[in-house]
Amino acid sequence: MIEYAGRPIGECWLQEMNLERILKRRPGRDCRRIDITIGEKDYWGRGIGTEAIRLLVEFGFRRAQADAIFALDIVTHNIRSLRAFQKAGFEPYDAFAESPREGARRSFDLVMVRTTSI
């Protein structure tokens, strides 16, 4: 749970990688993934997500001894999310085309990776 001033505003977690497309490319490695959502729009753009990502990265490398930490399915037009992961040291790893829905813009789901600790 992500809290700000005692109020829950989102959630995040670090979990073992569960996508075969990633695990096949890094056999024998301890790969983790970060998922994060800040559901309260009033708190977007305040650096809260970036700080949560940094805390998860620190835990993932220092305590969990991960070899790589991934951010999955970042839609390329979600600039806030993309920047939060970039500020935390993540780099592009792969992109998957998303089929546009009727009337929707075409976008890509970006996978980002960080392979070194803070």
N, C-alpha and C. Protein backbone atom coordinates (compact mmCIF):
# COMPACT_ATOMS: atom_id res chain seq x y z
N MET A 1 0.84 -1.16 0.00
CA MET A 1 0.00 0.00 0.00
C MET A 1 0.90 1.24 0.00
N ILE A 2 0.56 2.19 -0.82
CA ILE A 2 1.25 3.48 -0.82
C ILE A 2 0.37 4.44 -0.04
N GLU A 3 0.95 5.04 0.98
CA GLU A 3 0.21 6.01 1.79
C GLU A 3 0.90 7.36 1.71
N TYR A 4 0.10 8.40 1.77
CA TYR A 4 0.62 9.76 1.83
C TYR A 4 -0.17 10.48 2.92
N ALA A 5 0.54 10.98 3.91
CA ALA A 5 -0.09 11.65 5.06
C ALA A 5 -1.15 10.75 5.69
N GLY A 6 -0.85 9.46 5.77
CA GLY A 6 -1.76 8.51 6.41
C GLY A 6 -2.94 8.07 5.57
N ARG A 7 -2.99 8.52 4.34
CA ARG A 7 -4.11 8.18 3.45
C ARG A 7 -3.63 7.22 2.36
N PRO A 8 -4.34 6.10 2.15
CA PRO A 8 -3.95 5.20 1.06
C PRO A 8 -4.25 5.84 -0.30
N ILE A 9 -3.22 5.88 -1.17
CA ILE A 9 -3.41 6.52 -2.47
C ILE A 9 -3.05 5.60 -3.63
N GLY A 10 -2.50 4.43 -3.32
CA GLY A 10 -2.12 3.51 -4.39
C GLY A 10 -1.54 2.23 -3.83
N GLU A 11 -0.99 1.44 -4.72
CA GLU A 11 -0.38 0.18 -4.31
C GLU A 11 0.81 -0.13 -5.20
N CYS A 12 1.73 -0.91 -4.65
CA CYS A 12 2.89 -1.35 -5.41
C CYS A 12 3.38 -2.66 -4.82
N TRP A 13 4.11 -3.40 -5.63
CA TRP A 13 4.69 -4.64 -5.14
C TRP A 13 5.85 -5.06 -6.01
N LEU A 14 6.71 -5.86 -5.39
CA LEU A 14 7.85 -6.48 -6.05
C LEU A 14 7.60 -7.97 -5.99
N GLN A 15 7.60 -8.61 -7.12
CA GLN A 15 7.33 -10.05 -7.14
C GLN A 15 8.30 -10.77 -8.06
N GLU A 16 8.37 -12.07 -7.92
CA GLU A 16 9.20 -12.85 -8.83
C GLU A 16 8.62 -12.75 -10.23
N MET A 17 9.51 -12.71 -11.21
CA MET A 17 9.09 -12.62 -12.59
C MET A 17 8.27 -13.86 -12.94
N ASN A 18 7.15 -13.65 -13.61
CA ASN A 18 6.29 -14.76 -13.97
C ASN A 18 5.97 -14.81 -15.47
N LEU A 19 6.68 -14.05 -16.26
CA LEU A 19 6.45 -14.06 -17.70
C LEU A 19 7.54 -14.84 -18.41
N GLU A 20 7.13 -15.86 -19.11
CA GLU A 20 8.06 -16.74 -19.80
C GLU A 20 8.90 -15.99 -20.83
N ARG A 21 8.32 -14.99 -21.50
CA ARG A 21 9.06 -14.24 -22.52
C ARG A 21 10.27 -13.53 -21.94
N ILE A 22 10.24 -13.18 -20.68
CA ILE A 22 11.38 -12.56 -20.01
C ILE A 22 12.32 -13.63 -19.48
N LEU A 23 11.78 -14.63 -18.81
CA LEU A 23 12.59 -15.68 -18.18
C LEU A 23 13.42 -16.46 -19.20
N LYS A 24 12.90 -16.66 -20.40
CA LYS A 24 13.64 -17.38 -21.45
C LYS A 24 14.93 -16.65 -21.82
N ARG A 25 14.90 -15.34 -21.75
CA ARG A 25 16.06 -14.54 -22.15
C ARG A 25 17.07 -14.38 -21.02
N ARG A 26 16.72 -14.78 -19.81
CA ARG A 26 17.61 -14.66 -18.66
C ARG A 26 17.57 -15.94 -17.82
N PRO A 27 17.94 -17.06 -18.43
CA PRO A 27 17.86 -18.33 -17.70
C PRO A 27 18.78 -18.36 -16.48
N GLY A 28 18.27 -18.91 -15.40
CA GLY A 28 19.05 -19.05 -14.18
C GLY A 28 19.22 -17.77 -13.38
N ARG A 29 18.62 -16.69 -13.81
CA ARG A 29 18.74 -15.40 -13.11
C ARG A 29 17.52 -15.17 -12.22
N ASP A 30 17.75 -14.45 -11.14
CA ASP A 30 16.65 -14.08 -10.25
C ASP A 30 16.07 -12.76 -10.77
N CYS A 31 15.01 -12.87 -11.52
CA CYS A 31 14.36 -11.70 -12.11
C CYS A 31 13.10 -11.37 -11.33
N ARG A 32 12.91 -10.10 -11.06
CA ARG A 32 11.75 -9.62 -10.33
C ARG A 32 11.02 -8.59 -11.19
N ARG A 33 9.82 -8.24 -10.76
CA ARG A 33 9.07 -7.21 -11.46
C ARG A 33 8.38 -6.30 -10.46
N ILE A 34 8.27 -5.05 -10.85
CA ILE A 34 7.57 -4.05 -10.05
C ILE A 34 6.27 -3.71 -10.75
N ASP A 35 5.21 -3.70 -9.98
CA ASP A 35 3.92 -3.19 -10.44
C ASP A 35 3.54 -2.06 -9.49
N ILE A 36 3.01 -0.98 -10.04
CA ILE A 36 2.67 0.17 -9.22
C ILE A 36 1.48 0.91 -9.82
N THR A 37 0.63 1.41 -8.95
CA THR A 37 -0.51 2.23 -9.34
C THR A 37 -0.73 3.29 -8.29
N ILE A 38 -0.84 4.52 -8.73
CA ILE A 38 -1.28 5.60 -7.84
C ILE A 38 -2.67 5.96 -8.36
N GLY A 39 -3.67 5.52 -7.63
CA GLY A 39 -5.06 5.67 -8.09
C GLY A 39 -5.66 7.03 -7.83
N GLU A 40 -5.08 7.77 -6.92
CA GLU A 40 -5.61 9.10 -6.58
C GLU A 40 -4.92 10.16 -7.45
N LYS A 41 -5.62 10.65 -8.44
CA LYS A 41 -5.03 11.58 -9.40
C LYS A 41 -4.49 12.85 -8.76
N ASP A 42 -5.04 13.27 -7.63
CA ASP A 42 -4.54 14.47 -6.96
C ASP A 42 -3.09 14.32 -6.52
N TYR A 43 -2.59 13.09 -6.46
CA TYR A 43 -1.23 12.82 -6.00
C TYR A 43 -0.27 12.50 -7.13
N TRP A 44 -0.73 12.56 -8.36
CA TRP A 44 0.15 12.35 -9.50
C TRP A 44 1.12 13.53 -9.62
N GLY A 45 2.32 13.25 -10.11
CA GLY A 45 3.28 14.31 -10.39
C GLY A 45 3.99 14.87 -9.17
N ARG A 46 3.89 14.19 -8.04
CA ARG A 46 4.53 14.68 -6.81
C ARG A 46 5.77 13.87 -6.43
N GLY A 47 6.16 12.91 -7.27
CA GLY A 47 7.35 12.11 -6.98
C GLY A 47 7.10 10.92 -6.06
N ILE A 48 5.86 10.71 -5.70
CA ILE A 48 5.53 9.61 -4.79
C ILE A 48 5.77 8.27 -5.45
N GLY A 49 5.38 8.13 -6.69
CA GLY A 49 5.62 6.88 -7.42
C GLY A 49 7.10 6.61 -7.60
N THR A 50 7.86 7.64 -7.93
CA THR A 50 9.31 7.49 -8.09
C THR A 50 9.94 7.01 -6.79
N GLU A 51 9.54 7.57 -5.67
CA GLU A 51 10.09 7.15 -4.38
C GLU A 51 9.72 5.71 -4.06
N ALA A 52 8.49 5.33 -4.36
CA ALA A 52 8.07 3.94 -4.12
C ALA A 52 8.90 2.98 -4.98
N ILE A 53 9.14 3.34 -6.23
CA ILE A 53 9.96 2.51 -7.12
C ILE A 53 11.37 2.40 -6.57
N ARG A 54 11.94 3.50 -6.14
CA ARG A 54 13.31 3.47 -5.59
C ARG A 54 13.39 2.57 -4.36
N LEU A 55 12.39 2.62 -3.49
CA LEU A 55 12.39 1.76 -2.30
C LEU A 55 12.29 0.28 -2.69
N LEU A 56 11.47 -0.03 -3.67
CA LEU A 56 11.34 -1.42 -4.12
C LEU A 56 12.63 -1.90 -4.78
N VAL A 57 13.28 -1.04 -5.55
CA VAL A 57 14.55 -1.39 -6.19
C VAL A 57 15.61 -1.67 -5.13
N GLU A 58 15.70 -0.80 -4.15
CA GLU A 58 16.68 -1.00 -3.08
C GLU A 58 16.44 -2.33 -2.36
N PHE A 59 15.21 -2.59 -2.02
CA PHE A 59 14.87 -3.86 -1.37
C PHE A 59 15.19 -5.04 -2.28
N GLY A 60 14.80 -4.93 -3.55
CA GLY A 60 15.00 -6.02 -4.50
C GLY A 60 16.45 -6.42 -4.68
N PHE A 61 17.34 -5.45 -4.76
CA PHE A 61 18.75 -5.76 -4.96
C PHE A 61 19.48 -6.07 -3.66
N ARG A 62 19.24 -5.28 -2.65
CA ARG A 62 20.00 -5.46 -1.41
C ARG A 62 19.50 -6.58 -0.52
N ARG A 63 18.20 -6.72 -0.39
CA ARG A 63 17.66 -7.74 0.52
C ARG A 63 17.27 -9.02 -0.20
N ALA A 64 16.64 -8.89 -1.36
CA ALA A 64 16.17 -10.07 -2.09
C ALA A 64 17.22 -10.64 -3.03
N GLN A 65 18.32 -9.89 -3.24
CA GLN A 65 19.43 -10.33 -4.08
C GLN A 65 19.01 -10.61 -5.54
N ALA A 66 18.13 -9.81 -6.06
CA ALA A 66 17.68 -9.97 -7.46
C ALA A 66 18.83 -9.65 -8.42
N ASP A 67 18.81 -10.30 -9.57
CA ASP A 67 19.77 -10.02 -10.64
C ASP A 67 19.27 -8.92 -11.57
N ALA A 68 17.96 -8.82 -11.72
CA ALA A 68 17.36 -7.81 -12.59
C ALA A 68 15.95 -7.52 -12.10
N ILE A 69 15.54 -6.28 -12.25
CA ILE A 69 14.19 -5.88 -11.88
C ILE A 69 13.56 -5.21 -13.10
N PHE A 70 12.35 -5.63 -13.41
CA PHE A 70 11.67 -5.17 -14.61
C PHE A 70 10.44 -4.33 -14.26
N ALA A 71 10.10 -3.44 -15.15
CA ALA A 71 8.83 -2.73 -15.15
C ALA A 71 8.13 -3.16 -16.42
N LEU A 72 6.94 -3.69 -16.30
CA LEU A 72 6.25 -4.27 -17.45
C LEU A 72 5.06 -3.43 -17.88
N ASP A 73 4.76 -3.52 -19.13
CA ASP A 73 3.52 -2.97 -19.69
C ASP A 73 3.31 -1.49 -19.40
N ILE A 74 4.38 -0.72 -19.53
CA ILE A 74 4.25 0.73 -19.42
C ILE A 74 3.80 1.22 -20.79
N VAL A 75 2.61 1.74 -20.85
CA VAL A 75 2.09 2.24 -22.11
C VAL A 75 2.87 3.50 -22.46
N THR A 76 3.39 3.56 -23.67
CA THR A 76 4.33 4.62 -24.04
C THR A 76 3.74 6.03 -23.92
N HIS A 77 2.43 6.17 -23.97
CA HIS A 77 1.88 7.53 -23.82
C HIS A 77 1.64 7.88 -22.34
N ASN A 78 1.98 6.98 -21.41
CA ASN A 78 1.89 7.29 -19.97
C ASN A 78 3.23 7.87 -19.54
N ILE A 79 3.43 9.13 -19.83
CA ILE A 79 4.71 9.80 -19.61
C ILE A 79 5.10 9.82 -18.14
N ARG A 80 4.16 10.01 -17.23
CA ARG A 80 4.50 10.05 -15.80
C ARG A 80 5.11 8.74 -15.34
N SER A 81 4.50 7.64 -15.73
CA SER A 81 5.01 6.33 -15.33
C SER A 81 6.38 6.08 -15.95
N LEU A 82 6.51 6.38 -17.21
CA LEU A 82 7.78 6.21 -17.91
C LEU A 82 8.89 7.01 -17.22
N ARG A 83 8.64 8.25 -16.90
CA ARG A 83 9.64 9.10 -16.25
C ARG A 83 9.98 8.62 -14.84
N ALA A 84 8.98 8.13 -14.11
CA ALA A 84 9.24 7.64 -12.75
C ALA A 84 10.23 6.48 -12.80
N PHE A 85 10.06 5.57 -13.74
CA PHE A 85 10.99 4.44 -13.85
C PHE A 85 12.35 4.90 -14.37
N GLN A 86 12.37 5.84 -15.29
CA GLN A 86 13.66 6.37 -15.77
C GLN A 86 14.43 7.04 -14.64
N LYS A 87 13.76 7.82 -13.81
CA LYS A 87 14.41 8.48 -12.68
C LYS A 87 15.00 7.46 -11.71
N ALA A 88 14.39 6.29 -11.65
CA ALA A 88 14.88 5.23 -10.76
C ALA A 88 15.92 4.34 -11.44
N GLY A 89 16.41 4.76 -12.61
CA GLY A 89 17.51 4.06 -13.27
C GLY A 89 17.13 2.97 -14.24
N PHE A 90 15.87 2.86 -14.59
CA PHE A 90 15.44 1.83 -15.53
C PHE A 90 15.70 2.28 -16.96
N GLU A 91 16.01 1.28 -17.82
CA GLU A 91 16.27 1.54 -19.23
C GLU A 91 15.36 0.66 -20.08
N PRO A 92 15.05 1.08 -21.31
CA PRO A 92 14.21 0.26 -22.18
C PRO A 92 14.82 -1.13 -22.40
N TYR A 93 13.98 -2.12 -22.45
CA TYR A 93 14.39 -3.50 -22.65
C TYR A 93 13.71 -4.10 -23.87
N ASP A 94 12.44 -3.83 -24.03
CA ASP A 94 11.68 -4.41 -25.13
C ASP A 94 10.38 -3.63 -25.27
N ALA A 95 9.72 -3.77 -26.41
CA ALA A 95 8.42 -3.13 -26.62
C ALA A 95 7.52 -4.10 -27.38
N PHE A 96 6.27 -4.08 -27.03
CA PHE A 96 5.29 -4.94 -27.67
C PHE A 96 4.16 -4.07 -28.19
N ALA A 97 3.83 -4.25 -29.47
CA ALA A 97 2.77 -3.45 -30.07
C ALA A 97 1.43 -3.82 -29.46
N GLU A 98 0.65 -2.80 -29.21
CA GLU A 98 -0.71 -3.00 -28.70
C GLU A 98 -1.65 -2.76 -29.87
N SER A 99 -2.60 -3.63 -30.07
CA SER A 99 -3.57 -3.44 -31.14
C SER A 99 -4.49 -2.29 -30.77
N PRO A 100 -4.62 -1.33 -31.65
CA PRO A 100 -5.49 -0.20 -31.31
C PRO A 100 -6.96 -0.62 -31.30
N ARG A 101 -7.68 -0.11 -30.32
CA ARG A 101 -9.12 -0.32 -30.27
C ARG A 101 -9.77 0.72 -31.18
N GLU A 102 -10.98 0.48 -31.53
CA GLU A 102 -11.71 1.41 -32.38
C GLU A 102 -11.61 2.83 -31.83
N GLY A 103 -11.06 3.74 -32.59
CA GLY A 103 -10.96 5.14 -32.19
C GLY A 103 -9.82 5.46 -31.24
N ALA A 104 -9.06 4.46 -30.82
CA ALA A 104 -7.96 4.70 -29.88
C ALA A 104 -6.66 4.91 -30.64
N ARG A 105 -5.74 5.62 -30.01
CA ARG A 105 -4.43 5.81 -30.63
C ARG A 105 -3.60 4.54 -30.50
N ARG A 106 -2.70 4.32 -31.42
CA ARG A 106 -1.81 3.16 -31.37
C ARG A 106 -0.73 3.44 -30.34
N SER A 107 -0.43 2.44 -29.53
CA SER A 107 0.62 2.61 -28.53
C SER A 107 1.38 1.32 -28.39
N PHE A 108 2.43 1.37 -27.61
CA PHE A 108 3.25 0.20 -27.36
C PHE A 108 3.38 0.00 -25.86
N ASP A 109 3.40 -1.25 -25.46
CA ASP A 109 3.70 -1.58 -24.07
C ASP A 109 5.21 -1.71 -23.98
N LEU A 110 5.81 -0.93 -23.13
CA LEU A 110 7.25 -0.90 -22.98
C LEU A 110 7.66 -1.72 -21.75
N VAL A 111 8.71 -2.51 -21.91
CA VAL A 111 9.31 -3.22 -20.80
C VAL A 111 10.63 -2.52 -20.50
N MET A 112 10.85 -2.20 -19.22
CA MET A 112 12.08 -1.55 -18.82
C MET A 112 12.79 -2.44 -17.82
N VAL A 113 14.11 -2.27 -17.72
CA VAL A 113 14.90 -3.12 -16.82
C VAL A 113 15.94 -2.29 -16.09
N ARG A 114 16.25 -2.78 -14.91
CA ARG A 114 17.39 -2.24 -14.15
C ARG A 114 18.17 -3.44 -13.66
N THR A 115 19.49 -3.43 -13.91
CA THR A 115 20.31 -4.58 -13.57
C THR A 115 21.37 -4.29 -12.52
N THR A 116 21.41 -3.07 -12.02
CA THR A 116 22.37 -2.72 -10.98
C THR A 116 21.67 -2.06 -9.82
N SER A 117 22.24 -2.25 -8.64
CA SER A 117 21.63 -1.65 -7.46
C SER A 117 21.93 -0.16 -7.38
N ILE A 118 21.30 0.49 -6.46
CA ILE A 118 21.44 1.93 -6.28
C ILE A 118 22.83 2.26 -5.77
